[in-house]
Protein backbone atom coordinates (compact mmCIF):
# COMPACT_ATOMS: atom_id res chain seq x y z
CA UNK A 1 101.22 -5.34 -11.49
CA UNK A 2 99.63 -8.93 -10.55
CA UNK A 3 97.07 -10.44 -13.13
CA UNK A 4 93.84 -9.73 -11.91
CA UNK A 5 92.02 -12.93 -11.65
CA UNK A 6 88.02 -13.75 -11.39
CA UNK A 7 88.58 -17.10 -10.03
CA UNK A 8 85.93 -18.87 -8.02
CA UNK A 9 83.46 -15.68 -9.11
CA UNK A 10 80.37 -16.29 -10.87
CA UNK A 11 79.25 -13.66 -13.38
CA UNK A 12 75.42 -12.89 -14.91
CA UNK A 13 76.10 -11.12 -18.30
CA UNK A 14 72.96 -10.35 -20.19
CA UNK A 15 72.58 -9.71 -23.99
CA UNK A 16 75.76 -11.88 -23.60
CA UNK A 17 75.96 -13.74 -26.79
CA UNK A 18 76.80 -10.76 -29.18
CA UNK A 19 78.61 -7.86 -29.32
CA UNK A 20 79.70 -6.32 -26.31
CA UNK A 21 78.19 -8.65 -24.18
CA UNK A 22 80.02 -11.94 -25.60
CA UNK A 23 83.46 -9.89 -25.36
CA UNK A 24 82.95 -9.74 -21.40
CA UNK A 25 81.91 -13.34 -21.13
CA UNK A 26 84.82 -14.72 -23.40
CA UNK A 27 87.84 -12.24 -21.29
CA UNK A 28 86.04 -13.23 -17.71
CA UNK A 29 85.81 -16.71 -18.29
CA UNK A 30 89.72 -16.30 -19.86
CA UNK A 31 90.59 -15.19 -16.30
CA UNK A 32 88.94 -17.87 -14.08
CA UNK A 33 85.43 -16.91 -13.54
CA UNK A 34 82.29 -18.98 -14.40
CA UNK A 35 79.61 -17.09 -16.81
CA UNK A 36 76.08 -16.94 -17.53
CA UNK A 37 75.59 -16.24 -21.35
CA UNK A 38 72.30 -14.52 -21.06
CA UNK A 39 70.88 -13.58 -24.78
CA UNK A 40 66.95 -13.95 -25.58
CA UNK A 41 68.37 -13.70 -29.39
CA UNK A 42 65.96 -11.05 -30.05
CA UNK A 43 66.51 -10.08 -33.74
CA UNK A 44 64.71 -6.83 -33.85
CA UNK A 45 67.01 -4.32 -36.17
CA UNK A 46 69.68 -6.98 -36.25
CA UNK A 47 71.11 -8.44 -39.13
CA UNK A 48 72.13 -11.79 -36.96
CA UNK A 49 69.33 -13.84 -36.60
CA UNK A 50 71.48 -16.86 -35.58
CA UNK A 51 68.62 -18.39 -33.02
CA UNK A 52 70.22 -19.07 -30.07
CA UNK A 53 73.75 -16.73 -29.48
CA UNK A 54 74.25 -17.93 -25.99
CA UNK A 55 74.35 -21.76 -26.43
CA UNK A 56 76.84 -20.97 -28.93
CA UNK A 57 79.41 -18.77 -26.97
CA UNK A 58 78.91 -20.93 -23.90
CA UNK A 59 79.83 -23.65 -25.97
CA UNK A 60 82.65 -22.00 -27.33
CA UNK A 61 84.16 -20.76 -23.72
CA UNK A 62 83.67 -24.31 -22.42
CA UNK A 63 85.61 -25.81 -25.54
CA UNK A 64 88.21 -23.50 -24.71
CA UNK A 65 88.33 -25.11 -21.01
CA UNK A 66 86.33 -22.11 -19.44
CA UNK A 67 83.12 -22.64 -17.23
CA UNK A 68 79.77 -20.86 -19.24
CA UNK A 69 76.45 -21.98 -19.07
CA UNK A 70 73.38 -20.35 -21.66
CA UNK A 71 70.29 -18.90 -20.80
CA UNK A 72 67.67 -17.05 -23.14
CA UNK A 73 64.90 -15.68 -20.44
CA UNK A 74 64.13 -12.03 -21.43
CA UNK A 75 65.58 -9.68 -18.72
CA UNK A 76 61.78 -7.58 -18.54
CA UNK A 77 59.57 -10.30 -18.26
CA UNK A 78 62.20 -12.83 -16.38
CA UNK A 79 64.83 -10.93 -14.83
CA UNK A 80 64.98 -13.02 -11.81
CA UNK A 81 65.07 -16.27 -13.98
CA UNK A 82 68.36 -15.18 -15.21
CA UNK A 83 69.47 -14.96 -11.98
CA UNK A 84 67.95 -18.45 -10.93
CA UNK A 85 70.26 -19.85 -13.79
CA UNK A 86 73.38 -18.75 -11.98
CA UNK A 87 72.76 -20.08 -8.73
CA UNK A 88 71.06 -23.51 -10.28
CA UNK A 89 74.35 -24.32 -11.82
CA UNK A 90 76.96 -22.35 -10.07
CA UNK A 91 75.56 -21.53 -6.66
CA UNK A 92 76.33 -18.09 -6.49
CA UNK A 93 76.55 -14.60 -8.06
CA UNK A 94 79.36 -12.02 -7.55
CA UNK A 95 79.12 -10.00 -10.67
CA UNK A 96 76.47 -8.49 -12.95
CA UNK A 97 76.50 -7.12 -16.18
CA UNK A 98 73.61 -5.39 -17.37
CA UNK A 99 74.26 -5.00 -21.18
CA UNK A 100 71.13 -5.94 -22.95
CA UNK A 101 69.77 -3.44 -24.98
CA UNK A 102 67.21 -2.66 -27.48
CA UNK A 103 67.48 -0.36 -30.55
CA UNK A 104 64.67 2.13 -31.49
CA UNK A 105 64.78 4.76 -33.67
CA UNK A 106 62.61 7.63 -35.13
CA UNK A 107 61.18 10.39 -34.82
CA UNK A 108 59.34 11.09 -31.89
CA UNK A 109 55.77 12.32 -33.17
CA UNK A 110 55.71 9.16 -35.40
CA UNK A 111 56.87 6.71 -32.83
CA UNK A 112 54.98 3.61 -32.24
CA UNK A 113 54.15 4.23 -28.54
CA UNK A 114 54.90 0.41 -28.06
CA UNK A 115 58.43 0.58 -29.44
CA UNK A 116 59.29 3.70 -26.97
CA UNK A 117 57.81 1.30 -24.57
CA UNK A 118 59.83 -1.80 -24.90
CA UNK A 119 62.85 0.34 -25.53
CA UNK A 120 62.61 1.68 -22.11
CA UNK A 121 61.47 -1.48 -20.27
CA UNK A 122 64.51 -3.82 -22.00
CA UNK A 123 66.80 -1.01 -20.54
CA UNK A 124 64.88 0.10 -17.10
CA UNK A 125 62.79 -2.71 -16.14
CA UNK A 126 65.60 -5.46 -17.69
CA UNK A 127 68.47 -3.52 -15.43
CA UNK A 128 66.12 -3.43 -12.56
CA UNK A 129 64.89 -7.13 -12.79
CA UNK A 130 67.83 -8.57 -12.93
CA UNK A 131 69.78 -6.47 -9.91
CA UNK A 132 66.63 -7.04 -7.76
CA UNK A 133 67.21 -10.80 -8.16
CA UNK A 134 70.51 -11.04 -7.55
CA UNK A 135 71.14 -8.39 -4.85
CA UNK A 136 71.04 -10.63 -1.77
CA UNK A 137 73.79 -12.56 -3.69
CA UNK A 138 75.99 -10.02 -4.03
CA UNK A 139 75.75 -9.25 -0.58
CA UNK A 140 76.77 -12.19 0.42
CA UNK A 141 79.33 -12.41 -2.03
CA UNK A 142 80.94 -9.57 -0.04
CA UNK A 143 82.34 -7.95 -2.57
CA UNK A 144 79.35 -7.80 -5.40
CA UNK A 145 80.24 -5.69 -8.77
CA UNK A 146 77.70 -4.41 -11.01
CA UNK A 147 78.80 -2.65 -14.09
CA UNK A 148 75.06 -0.74 -16.04
CA UNK A 149 74.98 0.60 -19.33
CA UNK A 150 74.07 3.62 -20.74
CA UNK A 151 75.04 5.42 -23.53
CA UNK A 152 76.24 8.69 -24.96
CA UNK A 153 72.44 9.34 -26.25
CA UNK A 154 71.17 10.45 -23.14
CA UNK A 155 73.39 13.80 -24.38
CA UNK A 156 70.97 14.25 -26.79
CA UNK A 157 70.47 14.09 -30.45
CA UNK A 158 67.25 13.63 -32.71
CA UNK A 159 65.58 10.08 -33.91
CA UNK A 160 66.37 8.56 -31.06
CA UNK A 161 64.17 9.25 -28.43
CA UNK A 162 63.28 5.84 -26.64
CA UNK A 163 66.77 4.89 -26.26
CA UNK A 164 67.75 8.25 -24.65
CA UNK A 165 65.13 7.69 -22.47
CA UNK A 166 66.01 4.42 -21.26
CA UNK A 167 69.56 5.00 -21.16
CA UNK A 168 69.09 8.43 -18.80
CA UNK A 169 67.39 6.20 -16.75
CA UNK A 170 69.96 3.79 -16.15
CA UNK A 171 72.49 6.39 -15.58
CA UNK A 172 70.10 7.87 -12.56
CA UNK A 173 69.22 4.32 -11.37
CA UNK A 174 73.28 3.13 -11.17
CA UNK A 175 73.92 6.80 -8.99
CA UNK A 176 71.09 5.93 -6.65
CA UNK A 177 71.41 2.55 -6.31
CA UNK A 178 75.30 3.13 -5.96
CA UNK A 179 74.43 4.80 -2.35
CA UNK A 180 72.16 2.16 -1.03
CA UNK A 181 75.05 -0.59 -2.09
CA UNK A 182 77.78 1.03 -0.64
CA UNK A 183 77.13 -0.30 3.10
CA UNK A 184 76.88 -4.13 1.91
CA UNK A 185 80.11 -4.12 -0.18
CA UNK A 186 78.95 -3.66 -3.43
CA UNK A 187 79.94 -1.38 -6.05
CA UNK A 188 77.64 -0.23 -8.85
CA UNK A 189 78.99 1.62 -11.68
CA UNK A 190 77.95 2.45 -15.60
CA UNK A 191 79.12 2.93 -18.92
CA UNK A 192 78.45 4.68 -22.15
CA UNK A 193 80.29 2.40 -24.42
CA UNK A 194 81.55 3.71 -28.11
CA UNK A 195 81.61 0.32 -30.32
CA UNK A 196 80.80 -1.05 -33.22
CA UNK A 197 77.56 -3.76 -32.65
CA UNK A 198 74.69 -5.22 -34.34
CA UNK A 199 72.72 -2.01 -32.98
CA UNK A 200 75.42 0.35 -34.28
CA UNK A 201 75.66 -1.30 -37.44
CA UNK A 202 72.46 0.85 -38.17
CA UNK A 203 74.28 4.15 -38.06
CA UNK A 204 73.22 6.08 -41.36
CA UNK A 205 76.27 8.26 -41.15
CA UNK A 206 78.84 6.54 -43.19
CA UNK A 207 81.53 8.34 -42.24
CA UNK A 208 80.60 7.35 -38.40
CA UNK A 209 80.10 3.76 -39.26
CA UNK A 210 83.59 3.37 -40.57
CA UNK A 211 85.06 5.08 -37.49
CA UNK A 212 82.99 2.50 -35.13
CA UNK A 213 84.21 -0.31 -37.36
CA UNK A 214 87.94 0.80 -37.58
CA UNK A 215 88.29 2.06 -34.21
CA UNK A 216 85.68 0.80 -31.53
CA UNK A 217 85.53 -3.19 -31.43
CA UNK A 218 84.25 -4.53 -28.24
CA UNK A 219 86.80 -6.00 -27.83
CA UNK A 220 88.80 -2.90 -26.99
CA UNK A 221 86.11 -1.81 -24.18
CA UNK A 222 85.89 -5.33 -22.47
CA UNK A 223 88.94 -4.83 -20.31
CA UNK A 224 87.74 -1.68 -19.05
CA UNK A 225 84.76 -3.27 -17.84
CA UNK A 226 86.37 -6.45 -16.12
CA UNK A 227 88.28 -3.64 -14.13
CA UNK A 228 84.86 -2.56 -12.97
CA UNK A 229 84.00 -6.06 -12.02
CA UNK A 230 87.17 -7.22 -10.10
CA UNK A 231 87.11 -7.10 -6.47
CA UNK A 232 89.90 -4.78 -5.91
CA UNK A 233 87.70 -1.72 -7.74
CA UNK A 234 87.19 0.64 -5.20
CA UNK A 235 85.09 2.83 -7.70
CA UNK A 236 81.29 3.18 -7.35
CA UNK A 237 78.44 5.58 -8.39
CA UNK A 238 80.46 6.79 -11.44
CA UNK A 239 79.96 6.71 -15.40
CA UNK A 240 82.84 6.40 -17.98
CA UNK A 241 82.60 6.71 -21.51
CA UNK A 242 84.29 4.00 -22.79
CA UNK A 243 85.86 3.18 -26.69
CA UNK A 244 88.75 2.49 -28.92
CA UNK A 245 90.79 1.76 -25.55
CA UNK A 246 90.19 5.21 -23.88
CA UNK A 247 87.70 5.68 -20.94
CA UNK A 248 86.72 9.27 -19.58
CA UNK A 249 84.86 10.01 -16.54
CA UNK A 250 81.20 11.57 -17.17
CA UNK A 251 79.59 13.62 -14.73
CA UNK A 252 76.72 15.74 -13.77
CA UNK A 253 77.87 18.99 -12.93
CA UNK A 254 76.33 22.14 -11.84
CA UNK A 255 77.38 25.72 -12.41
CA UNK A 256 77.33 28.76 -10.03
CA UNK A 257 74.27 30.30 -11.62
CA UNK A 258 72.81 33.38 -11.18
CA UNK A 259 70.94 34.64 -7.67
CA UNK A 260 68.05 37.47 -8.05
CA UNK A 261 66.83 38.17 -4.64
CA UNK A 262 63.17 37.00 -4.30
CA UNK A 263 63.05 35.10 -7.64
CA UNK A 264 62.88 38.76 -9.46
CA UNK A 265 61.24 39.11 -12.88
CA UNK A 266 61.30 37.64 -15.86
CA UNK A 267 62.66 40.59 -17.37
CA UNK A 268 65.73 40.29 -14.91
CA UNK A 269 66.43 36.60 -15.79
CA UNK A 270 66.48 37.79 -19.59
CA UNK A 271 68.98 40.07 -18.89
CA UNK A 272 71.39 37.74 -17.33
CA UNK A 273 70.85 34.47 -19.76
CA UNK A 274 74.91 34.64 -20.91
CA UNK A 275 75.83 34.76 -16.99
CA UNK A 276 73.33 31.67 -16.54
CA UNK A 277 74.64 29.79 -19.15
CA UNK A 278 78.16 29.78 -18.19
CA UNK A 279 80.04 26.97 -16.59
CA UNK A 280 82.88 28.21 -14.78
CA UNK A 281 83.40 27.08 -11.38
CA UNK A 282 81.01 24.59 -11.50
CA UNK A 283 80.89 21.77 -9.06
CA UNK A 284 80.54 18.01 -8.94
CA UNK A 285 78.18 17.09 -6.60
CA UNK A 286 78.40 13.48 -5.26
CA UNK A 287 74.30 13.13 -4.54
CA UNK A 288 71.33 14.92 -4.14
CA UNK A 289 71.81 16.27 -0.88
CA UNK A 290 75.04 17.99 -1.61
CA UNK A 291 73.08 19.34 -4.39
CA UNK A 292 70.71 21.49 -2.17
CA UNK A 293 73.88 22.36 -0.39
CA UNK A 294 75.12 23.76 -3.05
CA UNK A 295 72.23 25.92 -3.91
CA UNK A 296 71.81 27.05 -0.12
CA UNK A 297 75.55 28.51 -0.46
CA UNK A 298 74.99 29.95 -3.64
CA UNK A 299 71.91 31.84 -2.27
CA UNK A 300 73.61 32.96 1.01
CA UNK A 301 72.52 30.53 3.48
CA UNK A 302 75.42 29.62 5.80
CA UNK A 303 73.36 27.46 7.97
CA UNK A 304 73.73 23.81 7.92
CA UNK A 305 70.66 22.46 5.32
CA UNK A 306 71.19 18.92 5.98
CA UNK A 307 72.28 17.06 9.01
CA UNK A 308 72.06 13.30 7.77
CA UNK A 309 73.98 11.23 4.75
CA UNK A 310 72.09 9.74 2.09
CA UNK A 311 71.65 6.33 3.33
CA UNK A 312 70.18 7.47 6.88
CA UNK A 313 67.81 9.62 4.76
CA UNK A 314 66.70 7.13 2.57
CA UNK A 315 65.93 4.77 5.64
CA UNK A 316 63.58 7.50 7.12
CA UNK A 317 62.23 8.12 3.78
CA UNK A 318 61.58 3.95 3.79
CA UNK A 319 60.42 4.15 7.65
CA UNK A 320 57.76 6.80 6.58
CA UNK A 321 56.37 5.27 3.42
């Protein structure tokens, strides 16, 4: 297969000075892209106390013959400025890799609300702000590509509710925006990376930490993300678990469920809990309207319950607001 190249493309990579973001920047630059290495150098919960990793990495890339520029703006408060940096230096934006993250742990009942909100803000507001500013330029590109970053934390687990909440929002954000982006030739996907980084270095389980160190280097994820960011990749609205050289589709599925006419009694549902929890015959709705159609089918409604696609539905919603 012909080598995938990014010549003439400009990539904005948030949280790009370290870990996953740095591995993305190095690979894309090596294959011809001009990269904006954004990193606000926030050192909370990190042993990496370098004051300006973005400038260090940009210098490394340019010394190797690539094109790179550093940016230190906070994606939460200055997301648009990150994109402006790309426009000022390179004149366009083709790729957005929303990678900036913020780790916050502890039991929910003991969590400082400010820490909880900061974690959500970086993942939700940061991703939104950068993509919003980049949107018209991704449209102009004709083949804009966006890769957001969620986490397997959304599956659940004690001690990381703010992180899981922010990442779950990124998953939903990606799914929604991908439908709006499609008509402009923009593809939007999301990954759940499994990698050893300065954030996962805080993992308290020594066996898990050793697994990450030995098998899940960021460089093993970068090629997959680079493929998603290439103009030839047709996937959009998808989520992938990625790590250790493996990638796998992650999806929301819906089981056939239980139907009790008129809603029944509480006792009726209690008696059928095993059937309710069975997942045989699940379906993967592509959007919320397909989910309604599946529901209608299961309760025996045969006539159409939707007459438009999600794009038209969204347009009519907007005109009524």
